[in-house]
């Protein structure tokens, strides 16, 4: 699978939660550091070149993703062309305002998950984030489901693939590969 890194504004995207003791994370950053320092902005990409889009999480996405028209337009374009839309943790914040060409929310009626309201409270950010992601997705008609707090949980509903939290990233990625295969 060929992967391009894109960020809302381009350049080096902010990051959080890097575990220097994790050999997988270290190897990834050592290999991809240069590409991550100079990402194109979401408005610079051509969504028609992609079979899938994967929105990663982090609390910052709660402010950056929902109102990024370039990101929501890319997700809708990819989905409506038969591609896969996927996300993990707070990444589904990119989907809360994504509407299909018929005016319905992309998440409406679909099984999915995200960082949970309970997990947000457990990390004491429920009064910091601009909205509770689980609740907003449910308001948009998603059939939200979740697993054990901070445990691995991912779900695929046709071409929408979501993972609950960082522990779910690998399983979410596997489901994306299956979906595009």
C-alpha atoms as a PDB file:
ATOM      1  CA  UNK A   1       0.000   0.000   0.000  1.00  0.00           C
ATOM      2  CA  UNK A   2       1.422   3.369  -1.005  1.00  0.00           C
ATOM      3  CA  UNK A   3       0.815   6.047   1.615  1.00  0.00           C
ATOM      4  CA  UNK A   4       0.924   9.831   1.374  1.00  0.00           C
ATOM      5  CA  UNK A   5       0.889  12.037   4.464  1.00  0.00           C
ATOM      6  CA  UNK A   6      -1.312  15.130   4.348  1.00  0.00           C
ATOM      7  CA  UNK A   7      -2.143  17.723   6.977  1.00  0.00           C
ATOM      8  CA  UNK A   8      -4.752  20.441   7.274  1.00  0.00           C
ATOM      9  CA  UNK A   9      -2.344  23.318   6.651  1.00  0.00           C
ATOM     10  CA  UNK A  10       0.657  21.508   5.155  1.00  0.00           C
ATOM     11  CA  UNK A  11       4.165  21.478   6.533  1.00  0.00           C
ATOM     12  CA  UNK A  12       4.958  19.570   9.709  1.00  0.00           C
ATOM     13  CA  UNK A  13       1.775  18.547  11.501  1.00  0.00           C
ATOM     14  CA  UNK A  14       1.666  18.701  15.293  1.00  0.00           C
ATOM     15  CA  UNK A  15       2.022  15.407  17.116  1.00  0.00           C
ATOM     16  CA  UNK A  16       1.399  14.106  20.602  1.00  0.00           C
ATOM     17  CA  UNK A  17       1.840  10.915  22.537  1.00  0.00           C
ATOM     18  CA  UNK A  18       5.095   9.646  21.026  1.00  0.00           C
ATOM     19  CA  UNK A  19       6.513   6.786  23.107  1.00  0.00           C
ATOM     20  CA  UNK A  20      10.297   6.770  22.670  1.00  0.00           C
ATOM     21  CA  UNK A  21      10.449   3.295  24.232  1.00  0.00           C
ATOM     22  CA  UNK A  22       8.206   1.808  21.556  1.00  0.00           C
ATOM     23  CA  UNK A  23      10.422   0.315  18.824  1.00  0.00           C
ATOM     24  CA  UNK A  24       7.629   0.408  16.222  1.00  0.00           C
ATOM     25  CA  UNK A  25       7.025   4.111  16.777  1.00  0.00           C
ATOM     26  CA  UNK A  26      10.744   4.872  16.737  1.00  0.00           C
ATOM     27  CA  UNK A  27      11.266   2.912  13.504  1.00  0.00           C
ATOM     28  CA  UNK A  28       8.307   4.649  11.855  1.00  0.00           C
ATOM     29  CA  UNK A  29       9.482   8.136  12.774  1.00  0.00           C
ATOM     30  CA  UNK A  30      13.074   7.391  11.772  1.00  0.00           C
ATOM     31  CA  UNK A  31      11.847   6.195   8.370  1.00  0.00           C
ATOM     32  CA  UNK A  32       9.215   8.880   7.725  1.00  0.00           C
ATOM     33  CA  UNK A  33      10.538  11.953   9.558  1.00  0.00           C
ATOM     34  CA  UNK A  34      11.482  13.860   6.388  1.00  0.00           C
ATOM     35  CA  UNK A  35       8.126  13.260   4.687  1.00  0.00           C
ATOM     36  CA  UNK A  36       6.321  14.321   7.850  1.00  0.00           C
ATOM     37  CA  UNK A  37       8.229  17.611   7.952  1.00  0.00           C
ATOM     38  CA  UNK A  38       6.840  18.716   4.594  1.00  0.00           C
ATOM     39  CA  UNK A  39       3.331  17.380   4.102  1.00  0.00           C
ATOM     40  CA  UNK A  40       1.061  18.901   1.459  1.00  0.00           C
ATOM     41  CA  UNK A  41      -2.037  20.648   2.741  1.00  0.00           C
ATOM     42  CA  UNK A  42      -5.400  18.941   2.372  1.00  0.00           C
ATOM     43  CA  UNK A  43      -6.381  21.530  -0.242  1.00  0.00           C
ATOM     44  CA  UNK A  44      -3.349  20.594  -2.389  1.00  0.00           C
ATOM     45  CA  UNK A  45      -4.252  16.944  -2.908  1.00  0.00           C
ATOM     46  CA  UNK A  46      -6.374  15.405  -5.636  1.00  0.00           C
ATOM     47  CA  UNK A  47      -8.762  12.966  -3.899  1.00  0.00           C
ATOM     48  CA  UNK A  48      -9.381  11.135  -7.174  1.00  0.00           C
ATOM     49  CA  UNK A  49      -5.864   9.668  -6.874  1.00  0.00           C
ATOM     50  CA  UNK A  50      -6.770   7.770  -3.692  1.00  0.00           C
ATOM     51  CA  UNK A  51      -8.629   4.555  -2.938  1.00  0.00           C
ATOM     52  CA  UNK A  52      -8.739   5.283   0.798  1.00  0.00           C
ATOM     53  CA  UNK A  53      -8.264   8.014   3.344  1.00  0.00           C
ATOM     54  CA  UNK A  54      -7.226   7.413   6.954  1.00  0.00           C
ATOM     55  CA  UNK A  55      -7.726  10.143   9.555  1.00  0.00           C
ATOM     56  CA  UNK A  56      -5.428   9.711  12.540  1.00  0.00           C
ATOM     57  CA  UNK A  57      -6.342  11.020  15.956  1.00  0.00           C
ATOM     58  CA  UNK A  58      -4.975  13.191  18.679  1.00  0.00           C
ATOM     59  CA  UNK A  59      -6.922  15.790  20.594  1.00  0.00           C
ATOM     60  CA  UNK A  60      -5.909  18.566  18.175  1.00  0.00           C
ATOM     61  CA  UNK A  61      -8.025  16.996  15.456  1.00  0.00           C
ATOM     62  CA  UNK A  62     -11.110  18.004  17.417  1.00  0.00           C
ATOM     63  CA  UNK A  63     -10.363  21.630  16.489  1.00  0.00           C
ATOM     64  CA  UNK A  64      -8.628  21.133  13.139  1.00  0.00           C
ATOM     65  CA  UNK A  65     -10.668  18.478  11.336  1.00  0.00           C
ATOM     66  CA  UNK A  66     -14.409  19.269  11.612  1.00  0.00           C
ATOM     67  CA  UNK A  67     -14.326  22.568   9.748  1.00  0.00           C
ATOM     68  CA  UNK A  68     -11.675  21.639   7.183  1.00  0.00           C
ATOM     69  CA  UNK A  69     -13.694  21.689   3.976  1.00  0.00           C
ATOM     70  CA  UNK A  70     -10.739  20.197   2.081  1.00  0.00           C
ATOM     71  CA  UNK A  71     -10.681  17.162   4.388  1.00  0.00           C
ATOM     72  CA  UNK A  72     -14.432  16.582   4.387  1.00  0.00           C
ATOM     73  CA  UNK A  73     -14.578  17.066   0.614  1.00  0.00           C
ATOM     74  CA  UNK A  74     -11.758  14.529   0.156  1.00  0.00           C
ATOM     75  CA  UNK A  75     -13.531  11.989   2.361  1.00  0.00           C
ATOM     76  CA  UNK A  76     -16.824  12.423   0.514  1.00  0.00           C
ATOM     77  CA  UNK A  77     -15.147  12.247  -2.907  1.00  0.00           C
ATOM     78  CA  UNK A  78     -13.291   9.055  -2.028  1.00  0.00           C
ATOM     79  CA  UNK A  79     -16.365   7.455  -0.451  1.00  0.00           C
ATOM     80  CA  UNK A  80     -18.725   8.326  -3.289  1.00  0.00           C
ATOM     81  CA  UNK A  81     -16.269   6.897  -5.828  1.00  0.00           C
ATOM     82  CA  UNK A  82     -16.336   3.573  -3.961  1.00  0.00           C
ATOM     83  CA  UNK A  83     -13.258   4.143  -1.805  1.00  0.00           C
ATOM     84  CA  UNK A  84     -12.650   3.545   1.881  1.00  0.00           C
ATOM     85  CA  UNK A  85     -12.952   6.227   4.561  1.00  0.00           C
ATOM     86  CA  UNK A  86     -11.253   5.328   7.803  1.00  0.00           C
ATOM     87  CA  UNK A  87     -10.143   6.845  11.074  1.00  0.00           C
ATOM     88  CA  UNK A  88      -8.919   6.057  14.541  1.00  0.00           C
ATOM     89  CA  UNK A  89      -9.327   7.631  17.983  1.00  0.00           C
ATOM     90  CA  UNK A  90     -10.215  11.337  17.487  1.00  0.00           C
ATOM     91  CA  UNK A  91      -9.765  11.032  13.707  1.00  0.00           C
ATOM     92  CA  UNK A  92     -13.526  10.662  13.131  1.00  0.00           C
ATOM     93  CA  UNK A  93     -13.736  14.371  13.980  1.00  0.00           C
ATOM     94  CA  UNK A  94     -13.090  14.771  10.231  1.00  0.00           C
ATOM     95  CA  UNK A  95     -16.420  13.067   9.553  1.00  0.00           C
ATOM     96  CA  UNK A  96     -18.799  14.978  11.820  1.00  0.00           C
ATOM     97  CA  UNK A  97     -19.586  17.557   9.112  1.00  0.00           C
ATOM     98  CA  UNK A  98     -19.032  15.373   6.036  1.00  0.00           C
ATOM     99  CA  UNK A  99     -22.182  15.284   3.924  1.00  0.00           C
ATOM    100  CA  UNK A 100     -22.730  13.144   0.859  1.00  0.00           C
ATOM    101  CA  UNK A 101     -23.995  14.694  -2.370  1.00  0.00           C
ATOM    102  CA  UNK A 102     -27.568  13.757  -1.372  1.00  0.00           C
ATOM    103  CA  UNK A 103     -27.229  15.965   1.739  1.00  0.00           C
ATOM    104  CA  UNK A 104     -27.058  13.132   4.271  1.00  0.00           C
ATOM    105  CA  UNK A 105     -24.184  12.786   6.713  1.00  0.00           C
ATOM    106  CA  UNK A 106     -21.592  10.254   5.595  1.00  0.00           C
ATOM    107  CA  UNK A 107     -21.821   8.559   9.028  1.00  0.00           C
ATOM    108  CA  UNK A 108     -25.644   8.372   9.129  1.00  0.00           C
ATOM    109  CA  UNK A 109     -26.887   4.833   9.636  1.00  0.00           C
ATOM    110  CA  UNK A 110     -23.400   3.344   9.680  1.00  0.00           C
ATOM    111  CA  UNK A 111     -21.731   1.341  12.445  1.00  0.00           C
ATOM    112  CA  UNK A 112     -18.640   3.123  13.697  1.00  0.00           C
ATOM    113  CA  UNK A 113     -16.684   4.106  16.748  1.00  0.00           C
ATOM    114  CA  UNK A 114     -14.251   6.690  18.057  1.00  0.00           C
ATOM    115  CA  UNK A 115     -12.665   7.818  21.278  1.00  0.00           C
ATOM    116  CA  UNK A 116     -15.501   7.383  23.752  1.00  0.00           C
ATOM    117  CA  UNK A 117     -17.152   9.910  26.032  1.00  0.00           C
ATOM    118  CA  UNK A 118     -15.999   7.778  28.985  1.00  0.00           C
ATOM    119  CA  UNK A 119     -12.396   7.743  27.721  1.00  0.00           C
ATOM    120  CA  UNK A 120     -12.526  11.524  27.294  1.00  0.00           C
ATOM    121  CA  UNK A 121     -13.677  11.870  30.908  1.00  0.00           C
ATOM    122  CA  UNK A 122     -11.009   9.413  32.082  1.00  0.00           C
ATOM    123  CA  UNK A 123      -8.230  11.558  30.564  1.00  0.00           C
ATOM    124  CA  UNK A 124      -9.929  14.673  31.967  1.00  0.00           C
ATOM    125  CA  UNK A 125     -10.393  16.352  28.600  1.00  0.00           C
ATOM    126  CA  UNK A 126     -14.183  16.205  28.429  1.00  0.00           C
ATOM    127  CA  UNK A 127     -14.346  19.855  29.580  1.00  0.00           C
ATOM    128  CA  UNK A 128     -11.516  20.877  27.218  1.00  0.00           C
ATOM    129  CA  UNK A 129     -12.526  19.504  23.807  1.00  0.00           C
ATOM    130  CA  UNK A 130     -15.024  21.597  21.817  1.00  0.00           C
ATOM    131  CA  UNK A 131     -17.512  18.692  21.736  1.00  0.00           C
ATOM    132  CA  UNK A 132     -17.700  15.037  22.729  1.00  0.00           C
ATOM    133  CA  UNK A 133     -16.922  13.056  19.606  1.00  0.00           C
ATOM    134  CA  UNK A 134     -19.039  10.010  20.403  1.00  0.00           C
ATOM    135  CA  UNK A 135     -22.050  12.227  21.107  1.00  0.00           C
ATOM    136  CA  UNK A 136     -21.598  14.324  17.956  1.00  0.00           C
ATOM    137  CA  UNK A 137     -21.319  11.225  15.763  1.00  0.00           C
ATOM    138  CA  UNK A 138     -24.495   9.852  17.338  1.00  0.00           C
ATOM    139  CA  UNK A 139     -26.223  13.215  16.698  1.00  0.00           C
ATOM    140  CA  UNK A 140     -25.254  12.820  13.028  1.00  0.00           C
ATOM    141  CA  UNK A 141     -27.058   9.466  12.890  1.00  0.00           C
ATOM    142  CA  UNK A 142     -24.116   7.116  13.360  1.00  0.00           C
ATOM    143  CA  UNK A 143     -24.795   3.719  14.887  1.00  0.00           C
ATOM    144  CA  UNK A 144     -21.955   4.247  17.348  1.00  0.00           C
ATOM    145  CA  UNK A 145     -20.578   1.204  19.185  1.00  0.00           C
ATOM    146  CA  UNK A 146     -17.582   0.800  21.437  1.00  0.00           C
ATOM    147  CA  UNK A 147     -15.499  -1.646  23.372  1.00  0.00           C
ATOM    148  CA  UNK A 148     -13.725  -1.654  26.700  1.00  0.00           C
ATOM    149  CA  UNK A 149     -12.207   1.695  27.707  1.00  0.00           C
ATOM    150  CA  UNK A 150      -8.697   2.044  26.229  1.00  0.00           C
ATOM    151  CA  UNK A 151      -8.925  -1.456  24.768  1.00  0.00           C
ATOM    152  CA  UNK A 152      -8.662  -2.505  21.138  1.00  0.00           C
ATOM    153  CA  UNK A 153     -11.895  -2.083  19.208  1.00  0.00           C
ATOM    154  CA  UNK A 154     -12.389  -1.460  15.505  1.00  0.00           C
ATOM    155  CA  UNK A 155     -15.341  -1.893  13.209  1.00  0.00           C
ATOM    156  CA  UNK A 156     -15.853  -1.948   9.452  1.00  0.00           C
ATOM    157  CA  UNK A 157     -19.231  -1.091   8.006  1.00  0.00           C
ATOM    158  CA  UNK A 158     -18.790  -1.662   4.307  1.00  0.00           C
ATOM    159  CA  UNK A 159     -16.317   1.084   3.288  1.00  0.00           C
ATOM    160  CA  UNK A 160     -16.295   3.004   6.581  1.00  0.00           C
ATOM    161  CA  UNK A 161     -13.630   1.697   8.971  1.00  0.00           C
ATOM    162  CA  UNK A 162     -13.101   3.138  12.437  1.00  0.00           C
ATOM    163  CA  UNK A 163     -11.005   2.386  15.501  1.00  0.00           C
ATOM    164  CA  UNK A 164     -11.765   3.495  19.041  1.00  0.00           C
ATOM    165  CA  UNK A 165      -8.402   4.628  20.397  1.00  0.00           C
ATOM    166  CA  UNK A 166      -4.621   4.258  19.945  1.00  0.00           C
ATOM    167  CA  UNK A 167      -4.803   0.600  21.006  1.00  0.00           C
ATOM    168  CA  UNK A 168      -7.062   0.054  17.979  1.00  0.00           C
ATOM    169  CA  UNK A 169      -4.757   1.530  15.325  1.00  0.00           C
ATOM    170  CA  UNK A 170      -3.231  -1.727  14.067  1.00  0.00           C
ATOM    171  CA  UNK A 171      -6.578  -3.524  13.842  1.00  0.00           C
ATOM    172  CA  UNK A 172      -8.108  -0.528  12.078  1.00  0.00           C
ATOM    173  CA  UNK A 173      -5.276  -0.520   9.536  1.00  0.00           C
ATOM    174  CA  UNK A 174      -5.764  -4.240   8.893  1.00  0.00           C
ATOM    175  CA  UNK A 175      -9.485  -3.679   8.278  1.00  0.00           C
ATOM    176  CA  UNK A 176      -8.661  -0.866   5.840  1.00  0.00           C
ATOM    177  CA  UNK A 177      -6.297  -3.104   3.878  1.00  0.00           C
ATOM    178  CA  UNK A 178      -8.995  -5.799   3.758  1.00  0.00           C
ATOM    179  CA  UNK A 179     -11.571  -3.258   2.583  1.00  0.00           C
ATOM    180  CA  UNK A 180      -9.411  -1.949  -0.271  1.00  0.00           C
ATOM    181  CA  UNK A 181      -8.394  -5.467  -1.265  1.00  0.00           C
END
